[in-house]
Amino acid sequence: MARSLEGNWREDVLFELQQAVNSYHFMHQQMQECDRQLERYLASLPTRILDVPAQGKGAPTVTPEKNKKKANKPRGNEPQLDLKAELKRICGVDLTSIDGINVMTAQTIVSEIGTDMSGFKDEDHFASWLGLTPSKDISAGKTVRRGCSPSLS
């Protein structure tokens, strides 16, 4: 049994292994540098505070968050900073409260459209732009296809 634990420590194999380990550490250093740069950039963006409209006809209803999601640790290549709090600060809303949108998706949305979401009439128009609402194709007065956009299916 002890003999099977002995390795074949050839110099060329050890060199190759050391190169792989060095590359792994270098890539992680590069990702940490990107995270620091992202953190500096997000800190430079202004805080956005949305005015809550008076409740009335046509005004969206403001409901308290009922299902608080457990904060997850960053996985994979996600930034190590608290991206959810930063995105909420700069957008004025928590995009991750939308079902199916995590922090990385919210960051992509902000990078695509910016922090000013006043171009969307209401939440329904925003969800439609995201492709989260079902649609139906009509041809000659008949429905030919229903469902979400094919790219999200």
N, C-alpha and C. Protein backbone atom coordinates (compact mmCIF):
# COMPACT_ATOMS: atom_id res chain seq x y z
N MET A 1 0.82 -1.18 0.00
CA MET A 1 0.00 0.00 0.00
C MET A 1 0.87 1.26 0.00
N ALA A 2 1.87 1.30 0.84
CA ALA A 2 2.73 2.47 0.91
C ALA A 2 3.47 2.67 -0.41
N ARG A 3 3.80 1.61 -1.08
CA ARG A 3 4.53 1.71 -2.35
C ARG A 3 3.66 2.34 -3.44
N SER A 4 2.34 2.12 -3.38
CA SER A 4 1.46 2.69 -4.40
C SER A 4 1.31 4.20 -4.25
N LEU A 5 1.64 4.74 -3.08
CA LEU A 5 1.55 6.18 -2.86
C LEU A 5 2.80 6.92 -3.35
N GLU A 6 3.82 6.20 -3.70
CA GLU A 6 5.02 6.83 -4.21
C GLU A 6 4.74 7.32 -5.62
N GLY A 7 5.21 8.53 -5.93
CA GLY A 7 4.95 9.11 -7.24
C GLY A 7 6.14 9.02 -8.16
N ASN A 8 5.88 9.33 -9.39
CA ASN A 8 6.93 9.40 -10.39
C ASN A 8 7.19 10.89 -10.59
N TRP A 9 8.11 11.44 -9.88
CA TRP A 9 8.34 12.88 -9.86
C TRP A 9 9.34 13.28 -10.94
N ARG A 10 8.90 13.12 -12.19
CA ARG A 10 9.76 13.53 -13.29
C ARG A 10 9.82 15.04 -13.33
N GLU A 11 10.97 15.54 -13.66
CA GLU A 11 11.21 16.98 -13.65
C GLU A 11 10.33 17.71 -14.67
N ASP A 12 10.14 17.14 -15.85
CA ASP A 12 9.33 17.80 -16.88
C ASP A 12 7.85 17.88 -16.48
N VAL A 13 7.34 16.85 -15.79
CA VAL A 13 5.95 16.85 -15.35
C VAL A 13 5.76 17.86 -14.22
N LEU A 14 6.71 17.93 -13.30
CA LEU A 14 6.63 18.91 -12.22
C LEU A 14 6.69 20.34 -12.76
N PHE A 15 7.51 20.56 -13.78
CA PHE A 15 7.60 21.88 -14.40
C PHE A 15 6.26 22.26 -15.03
N GLU A 16 5.64 21.33 -15.73
CA GLU A 16 4.35 21.59 -16.37
C GLU A 16 3.27 21.89 -15.32
N LEU A 17 3.29 21.13 -14.22
CA LEU A 17 2.34 21.35 -13.15
C LEU A 17 2.54 22.73 -12.51
N GLN A 18 3.78 23.11 -12.30
CA GLN A 18 4.07 24.42 -11.72
C GLN A 18 3.60 25.54 -12.65
N GLN A 19 3.77 25.36 -13.95
CA GLN A 19 3.29 26.35 -14.91
C GLN A 19 1.77 26.49 -14.84
N ALA A 20 1.07 25.39 -14.72
CA ALA A 20 -0.39 25.42 -14.62
C ALA A 20 -0.84 26.13 -13.34
N VAL A 21 -0.18 25.85 -12.23
CA VAL A 21 -0.52 26.50 -10.96
C VAL A 21 -0.25 28.00 -11.04
N ASN A 22 0.87 28.38 -11.63
CA ASN A 22 1.19 29.81 -11.78
C ASN A 22 0.15 30.51 -12.65
N SER A 23 -0.28 29.87 -13.72
CA SER A 23 -1.30 30.46 -14.60
C SER A 23 -2.62 30.63 -13.86
N TYR A 24 -2.98 29.65 -13.05
CA TYR A 24 -4.20 29.71 -12.26
C TYR A 24 -4.16 30.91 -11.31
N HIS A 25 -3.05 31.07 -10.59
CA HIS A 25 -2.91 32.19 -9.66
C HIS A 25 -2.90 33.53 -10.40
N PHE A 26 -2.26 33.60 -11.54
CA PHE A 26 -2.22 34.83 -12.32
C PHE A 26 -3.63 35.23 -12.76
N MET A 27 -4.42 34.28 -13.22
CA MET A 27 -5.78 34.59 -13.66
C MET A 27 -6.64 35.09 -12.50
N HIS A 28 -6.47 34.51 -11.34
CA HIS A 28 -7.23 34.98 -10.18
C HIS A 28 -6.80 36.38 -9.78
N GLN A 29 -5.53 36.70 -9.89
CA GLN A 29 -5.07 38.06 -9.61
C GLN A 29 -5.68 39.04 -10.61
N GLN A 30 -5.76 38.65 -11.88
CA GLN A 30 -6.35 39.50 -12.91
C GLN A 30 -7.84 39.73 -12.61
N MET A 31 -8.57 38.69 -12.20
CA MET A 31 -9.98 38.84 -11.88
C MET A 31 -10.18 39.74 -10.66
N GLN A 32 -9.30 39.63 -9.67
CA GLN A 32 -9.40 40.50 -8.50
C GLN A 32 -9.14 41.95 -8.88
N GLU A 33 -8.22 42.18 -9.80
CA GLU A 33 -7.95 43.53 -10.27
C GLU A 33 -9.17 44.09 -11.01
N CYS A 34 -9.83 43.27 -11.80
CA CYS A 34 -11.07 43.69 -12.49
C CYS A 34 -12.17 44.00 -11.47
N ASP A 35 -12.27 43.19 -10.42
CA ASP A 35 -13.26 43.45 -9.38
C ASP A 35 -13.00 44.80 -8.71
N ARG A 36 -11.73 45.10 -8.41
CA ARG A 36 -11.39 46.38 -7.78
C ARG A 36 -11.73 47.54 -8.71
N GLN A 37 -11.46 47.39 -9.99
CA GLN A 37 -11.78 48.45 -10.96
C GLN A 37 -13.29 48.63 -11.06
N LEU A 38 -14.04 47.54 -11.09
CA LEU A 38 -15.49 47.61 -11.13
C LEU A 38 -16.03 48.30 -9.89
N GLU A 39 -15.46 47.98 -8.74
CA GLU A 39 -15.90 48.59 -7.49
C GLU A 39 -15.65 50.10 -7.51
N ARG A 40 -14.48 50.53 -8.02
CA ARG A 40 -14.19 51.96 -8.13
C ARG A 40 -15.16 52.65 -9.08
N TYR A 41 -15.46 52.00 -10.20
CA TYR A 41 -16.38 52.59 -11.16
C TYR A 41 -17.78 52.72 -10.59
N LEU A 42 -18.27 51.66 -9.95
CA LEU A 42 -19.62 51.71 -9.37
C LEU A 42 -19.71 52.76 -8.28
N ALA A 43 -18.63 52.93 -7.50
CA ALA A 43 -18.63 53.95 -6.44
C ALA A 43 -18.69 55.35 -7.03
N SER A 44 -18.21 55.52 -8.26
CA SER A 44 -18.23 56.85 -8.87
C SER A 44 -19.61 57.23 -9.41
N LEU A 45 -20.50 56.25 -9.57
CA LEU A 45 -21.84 56.53 -10.09
C LEU A 45 -22.70 57.13 -8.99
N PRO A 46 -23.59 58.08 -9.34
CA PRO A 46 -24.41 58.74 -8.33
C PRO A 46 -25.48 57.80 -7.77
N THR A 47 -25.88 58.08 -6.55
CA THR A 47 -26.97 57.34 -5.91
C THR A 47 -28.28 57.83 -6.50
N ARG A 48 -29.14 56.92 -6.84
CA ARG A 48 -30.43 57.27 -7.46
C ARG A 48 -31.53 56.97 -6.46
N ILE A 49 -32.32 57.97 -6.17
CA ILE A 49 -33.47 57.81 -5.28
C ILE A 49 -34.71 58.10 -6.09
N LEU A 50 -35.58 57.11 -6.20
CA LEU A 50 -36.80 57.28 -6.99
C LEU A 50 -37.89 57.88 -6.13
N ASP A 51 -38.63 58.81 -6.73
CA ASP A 51 -39.80 59.36 -6.06
C ASP A 51 -40.93 58.37 -6.23
N VAL A 52 -41.52 57.97 -5.11
CA VAL A 52 -42.64 57.03 -5.17
C VAL A 52 -43.89 57.84 -5.47
N PRO A 53 -44.57 57.55 -6.61
CA PRO A 53 -45.77 58.31 -6.94
C PRO A 53 -46.90 58.03 -5.98
N ALA A 54 -47.81 58.99 -5.89
CA ALA A 54 -48.97 58.80 -5.02
C ALA A 54 -49.80 57.65 -5.57
N GLN A 55 -50.37 56.87 -4.66
CA GLN A 55 -51.19 55.75 -5.07
C GLN A 55 -52.48 56.28 -5.66
N GLY A 56 -52.75 55.92 -6.86
CA GLY A 56 -53.95 56.38 -7.53
C GLY A 56 -54.13 55.60 -8.80
N LYS A 57 -55.03 56.07 -9.63
CA LYS A 57 -55.31 55.36 -10.88
C LYS A 57 -54.08 55.39 -11.78
N GLY A 58 -53.68 54.23 -12.23
CA GLY A 58 -52.55 54.12 -13.14
C GLY A 58 -51.20 54.07 -12.46
N ALA A 59 -51.14 54.35 -11.17
CA ALA A 59 -49.86 54.32 -10.46
C ALA A 59 -49.55 52.89 -10.05
N PRO A 60 -48.30 52.46 -10.21
CA PRO A 60 -47.97 51.11 -9.78
C PRO A 60 -48.07 51.00 -8.26
N THR A 61 -48.49 49.85 -7.80
CA THR A 61 -48.63 49.65 -6.37
C THR A 61 -47.28 49.32 -5.77
N VAL A 62 -47.04 49.86 -4.61
CA VAL A 62 -45.80 49.60 -3.89
C VAL A 62 -46.11 48.56 -2.83
N THR A 63 -45.50 47.40 -2.97
CA THR A 63 -45.74 46.33 -2.00
C THR A 63 -44.43 45.99 -1.31
N PRO A 64 -44.49 45.69 -0.03
CA PRO A 64 -43.26 45.31 0.67
C PRO A 64 -42.75 43.98 0.15
N GLU A 65 -41.46 43.80 0.23
CA GLU A 65 -40.88 42.52 -0.20
C GLU A 65 -41.36 41.43 0.74
N LYS A 66 -42.00 40.41 0.17
CA LYS A 66 -42.54 39.36 1.02
C LYS A 66 -41.60 38.18 1.16
N ASN A 67 -40.94 37.82 0.10
CA ASN A 67 -40.03 36.68 0.15
C ASN A 67 -38.59 37.17 0.06
N LYS A 68 -37.99 37.39 1.19
CA LYS A 68 -36.60 37.81 1.20
C LYS A 68 -35.73 36.65 0.75
N LYS A 69 -34.96 36.88 -0.29
CA LYS A 69 -34.07 35.84 -0.78
C LYS A 69 -32.80 35.83 0.08
N LYS A 70 -32.31 34.65 0.31
CA LYS A 70 -31.07 34.50 1.07
C LYS A 70 -29.91 34.99 0.22
N ALA A 71 -29.06 35.81 0.80
CA ALA A 71 -27.90 36.32 0.07
C ALA A 71 -26.93 35.18 -0.20
N ASN A 72 -26.61 34.99 -1.46
CA ASN A 72 -25.70 33.92 -1.84
C ASN A 72 -24.28 34.43 -1.90
N LYS A 73 -23.35 33.52 -1.64
CA LYS A 73 -21.94 33.85 -1.81
C LYS A 73 -21.66 33.94 -3.30
N PRO A 74 -20.71 34.79 -3.69
CA PRO A 74 -20.35 34.84 -5.10
C PRO A 74 -19.85 33.48 -5.58
N ARG A 75 -20.34 33.07 -6.75
CA ARG A 75 -19.94 31.78 -7.29
C ARG A 75 -19.18 32.00 -8.58
N GLY A 76 -18.34 31.06 -8.89
CA GLY A 76 -17.63 31.11 -10.16
C GLY A 76 -16.83 32.38 -10.32
N ASN A 77 -17.12 33.11 -11.38
CA ASN A 77 -16.38 34.34 -11.67
C ASN A 77 -17.13 35.59 -11.27
N GLU A 78 -18.14 35.47 -10.41
CA GLU A 78 -18.87 36.64 -9.95
C GLU A 78 -17.93 37.53 -9.15
N PRO A 79 -18.13 38.85 -9.25
CA PRO A 79 -17.29 39.77 -8.46
C PRO A 79 -17.43 39.50 -6.96
N GLN A 80 -16.38 39.78 -6.22
CA GLN A 80 -16.37 39.52 -4.78
C GLN A 80 -17.04 40.63 -3.98
N LEU A 81 -17.38 41.76 -4.63
CA LEU A 81 -18.02 42.85 -3.92
C LEU A 81 -19.52 42.62 -3.82
N ASP A 82 -20.20 43.42 -2.99
CA ASP A 82 -21.65 43.30 -2.82
C ASP A 82 -22.32 44.02 -3.99
N LEU A 83 -22.39 43.34 -5.11
CA LEU A 83 -22.90 43.92 -6.34
C LEU A 83 -24.39 44.23 -6.25
N LYS A 84 -25.13 43.43 -5.52
CA LYS A 84 -26.58 43.65 -5.39
C LYS A 84 -26.86 45.00 -4.74
N ALA A 85 -26.17 45.30 -3.66
CA ALA A 85 -26.39 46.57 -2.96
C ALA A 85 -25.96 47.75 -3.82
N GLU A 86 -24.86 47.60 -4.55
CA GLU A 86 -24.38 48.68 -5.42
C GLU A 86 -25.37 48.93 -6.55
N LEU A 87 -25.88 47.87 -7.17
CA LEU A 87 -26.84 48.03 -8.25
C LEU A 87 -28.13 48.66 -7.75
N LYS A 88 -28.57 48.29 -6.57
CA LYS A 88 -29.78 48.88 -6.00
C LYS A 88 -29.55 50.37 -5.71
N ARG A 89 -28.35 50.71 -5.26
CA ARG A 89 -28.03 52.10 -4.96
C ARG A 89 -28.02 52.96 -6.23
N ILE A 90 -27.42 52.47 -7.29
CA ILE A 90 -27.29 53.30 -8.49
C ILE A 90 -28.54 53.29 -9.36
N CYS A 91 -29.39 52.25 -9.22
CA CYS A 91 -30.62 52.18 -10.03
C CYS A 91 -31.82 52.72 -9.27
N GLY A 92 -31.78 52.67 -7.95
CA GLY A 92 -32.92 53.10 -7.15
C GLY A 92 -33.93 51.99 -6.93
N VAL A 93 -33.76 50.86 -7.61
CA VAL A 93 -34.65 49.72 -7.45
C VAL A 93 -33.81 48.45 -7.39
N ASP A 94 -34.39 47.41 -6.82
CA ASP A 94 -33.71 46.13 -6.75
C ASP A 94 -34.14 45.27 -7.92
N LEU A 95 -33.32 45.21 -8.96
CA LEU A 95 -33.66 44.43 -10.15
C LEU A 95 -33.70 42.94 -9.87
N THR A 96 -32.99 42.50 -8.83
CA THR A 96 -32.97 41.07 -8.53
C THR A 96 -34.28 40.60 -7.89
N SER A 97 -35.17 41.53 -7.57
CA SER A 97 -36.47 41.12 -7.02
C SER A 97 -37.37 40.56 -8.12
N ILE A 98 -36.99 40.76 -9.38
CA ILE A 98 -37.73 40.17 -10.50
C ILE A 98 -37.34 38.71 -10.59
N ASP A 99 -38.33 37.84 -10.65
CA ASP A 99 -38.06 36.40 -10.74
C ASP A 99 -37.21 36.12 -11.97
N GLY A 100 -36.18 35.32 -11.80
CA GLY A 100 -35.34 34.92 -12.92
C GLY A 100 -34.17 35.85 -13.18
N ILE A 101 -34.04 36.92 -12.41
CA ILE A 101 -32.93 37.85 -12.61
C ILE A 101 -32.02 37.79 -11.39
N ASN A 102 -30.79 37.35 -11.62
CA ASN A 102 -29.82 37.33 -10.53
C ASN A 102 -28.92 38.56 -10.66
N VAL A 103 -27.92 38.65 -9.82
CA VAL A 103 -27.05 39.82 -9.79
C VAL A 103 -26.31 40.01 -11.10
N MET A 104 -25.81 38.95 -11.69
CA MET A 104 -25.06 39.08 -12.93
C MET A 104 -25.97 39.50 -14.09
N THR A 105 -27.19 39.00 -14.11
CA THR A 105 -28.14 39.42 -15.14
C THR A 105 -28.50 40.89 -14.96
N ALA A 106 -28.71 41.30 -13.71
CA ALA A 106 -29.02 42.70 -13.43
C ALA A 106 -27.86 43.61 -13.85
N GLN A 107 -26.64 43.17 -13.62
CA GLN A 107 -25.47 43.96 -14.03
C GLN A 107 -25.44 44.08 -15.56
N THR A 108 -25.77 43.02 -16.26
CA THR A 108 -25.81 43.06 -17.72
C THR A 108 -26.88 44.02 -18.20
N ILE A 109 -28.05 44.00 -17.56
CA ILE A 109 -29.13 44.91 -17.94
C ILE A 109 -28.69 46.35 -17.76
N VAL A 110 -28.06 46.66 -16.62
CA VAL A 110 -27.61 48.02 -16.36
C VAL A 110 -26.54 48.43 -17.36
N SER A 111 -25.67 47.50 -17.73
CA SER A 111 -24.64 47.85 -18.70
C SER A 111 -25.24 48.09 -20.09
N GLU A 112 -26.38 47.47 -20.39
CA GLU A 112 -27.03 47.65 -21.69
C GLU A 112 -27.86 48.92 -21.77
N ILE A 113 -28.66 49.20 -20.73
CA ILE A 113 -29.59 50.33 -20.82
C ILE A 113 -29.24 51.48 -19.89
N GLY A 114 -28.28 51.29 -19.01
CA GLY A 114 -27.91 52.35 -18.07
C GLY A 114 -28.78 52.30 -16.82
N THR A 115 -28.65 53.33 -16.00
CA THR A 115 -29.36 53.35 -14.73
C THR A 115 -30.69 54.07 -14.81
N ASP A 116 -30.90 54.84 -15.87
CA ASP A 116 -32.16 55.57 -16.03
C ASP A 116 -33.16 54.70 -16.76
N MET A 117 -34.14 54.21 -16.04
CA MET A 117 -35.13 53.32 -16.64
C MET A 117 -36.45 54.04 -16.87
N SER A 118 -36.38 55.37 -16.92
CA SER A 118 -37.60 56.14 -17.14
C SER A 118 -38.11 56.00 -18.57
N GLY A 119 -37.31 55.45 -19.47
CA GLY A 119 -37.76 55.22 -20.83
C GLY A 119 -38.83 54.15 -20.94
N PHE A 120 -39.00 53.39 -19.89
CA PHE A 120 -40.04 52.36 -19.87
C PHE A 120 -41.27 52.94 -19.17
N LYS A 121 -42.41 52.78 -19.80
CA LYS A 121 -43.65 53.37 -19.29
C LYS A 121 -43.98 52.83 -17.90
N ASP A 122 -43.83 51.53 -17.72
CA ASP A 122 -44.11 50.90 -16.43
C ASP A 122 -43.39 49.56 -16.37
N GLU A 123 -43.65 48.81 -15.30
CA GLU A 123 -42.97 47.53 -15.10
C GLU A 123 -43.30 46.53 -16.20
N ASP A 124 -44.53 46.59 -16.71
CA ASP A 124 -44.94 45.65 -17.76
C ASP A 124 -44.14 45.87 -19.05
N HIS A 125 -43.92 47.12 -19.38
CA HIS A 125 -43.14 47.42 -20.59
C HIS A 125 -41.69 46.96 -20.42
N PHE A 126 -41.15 47.13 -19.22
CA PHE A 126 -39.78 46.69 -18.94
C PHE A 126 -39.68 45.17 -19.07
N ALA A 127 -40.65 44.46 -18.47
CA ALA A 127 -40.65 42.99 -18.54
C ALA A 127 -40.81 42.52 -19.98
N SER A 128 -41.61 43.24 -20.75
CA SER A 128 -41.79 42.89 -22.16
C SER A 128 -40.49 43.09 -22.93
N TRP A 129 -39.80 44.20 -22.66
CA TRP A 129 -38.51 44.46 -23.33
C TRP A 129 -37.49 43.36 -23.00
N LEU A 130 -37.54 42.89 -21.76
CA LEU A 130 -36.63 41.81 -21.35
C LEU A 130 -36.99 40.49 -22.01
N GLY A 131 -38.19 40.38 -22.54
CA GLY A 131 -38.62 39.13 -23.15
C GLY A 131 -39.17 38.15 -22.14
N LEU A 132 -39.63 38.65 -21.00
CA LEU A 132 -40.14 37.79 -19.94
C LEU A 132 -41.64 37.56 -20.03
N THR A 133 -42.30 38.29 -20.92
CA THR A 133 -43.75 38.15 -21.04
C THR A 133 -44.10 37.28 -22.24
N PRO A 134 -45.15 36.51 -22.12
CA PRO A 134 -45.55 35.68 -23.25
C PRO A 134 -46.09 36.55 -24.38
N SER A 135 -45.95 36.07 -25.58
CA SER A 135 -46.46 36.80 -26.74
C SER A 135 -47.18 35.82 -27.65
N LYS A 136 -47.94 36.37 -28.57
CA LYS A 136 -48.57 35.50 -29.55
C LYS A 136 -48.43 36.15 -30.92
N ASP A 137 -48.11 35.33 -31.90
CA ASP A 137 -47.99 35.80 -33.27
C ASP A 137 -49.32 35.56 -33.97
N ILE A 138 -49.79 36.60 -34.61
CA ILE A 138 -51.08 36.50 -35.30
C ILE A 138 -50.83 36.71 -36.80
N SER A 139 -51.39 35.81 -37.59
CA SER A 139 -51.30 35.91 -39.04
C SER A 139 -52.67 35.63 -39.62
N ALA A 140 -53.18 36.55 -40.42
CA ALA A 140 -54.50 36.44 -41.03
C ALA A 140 -55.59 36.24 -39.99
N GLY A 141 -55.43 36.92 -38.86
CA GLY A 141 -56.45 36.86 -37.82
C GLY A 141 -56.41 35.61 -36.96
N LYS A 142 -55.44 34.72 -37.19
CA LYS A 142 -55.34 33.49 -36.40
C LYS A 142 -54.03 33.48 -35.63
N THR A 143 -54.08 32.95 -34.44
CA THR A 143 -52.88 32.82 -33.63
C THR A 143 -52.06 31.65 -34.15
N VAL A 144 -50.82 31.92 -34.55
CA VAL A 144 -49.98 30.86 -35.09
C VAL A 144 -48.93 30.35 -34.09
N ARG A 145 -48.63 31.16 -33.09
CA ARG A 145 -47.62 30.74 -32.11
C ARG A 145 -47.85 31.53 -30.83
N ARG A 146 -47.71 30.86 -29.71
CA ARG A 146 -47.79 31.50 -28.39
C ARG A 146 -46.54 31.17 -27.60
N GLY A 147 -46.27 31.98 -26.58
CA GLY A 147 -45.18 31.66 -25.69
C GLY A 147 -44.18 32.80 -25.62
N CYS A 148 -43.11 32.56 -24.89
CA CYS A 148 -42.04 33.55 -24.76
C CYS A 148 -41.19 33.53 -26.00
N SER A 149 -40.30 34.50 -26.06
CA SER A 149 -39.43 34.56 -27.24
C SER A 149 -38.55 33.32 -27.31
N PRO A 150 -38.24 32.86 -28.50
CA PRO A 150 -37.47 31.62 -28.64
C PRO A 150 -36.10 31.68 -27.98
N SER A 151 -35.50 32.85 -27.86
CA SER A 151 -34.16 32.94 -27.29
C SER A 151 -34.15 32.63 -25.80
N LEU A 152 -35.29 32.79 -25.13
CA LEU A 152 -35.35 32.55 -23.69
C LEU A 152 -35.87 31.16 -23.37
N SER A 153 -36.40 30.46 -24.33
CA SER A 153 -36.99 29.15 -24.07
C SER A 153 -35.94 28.10 -23.85
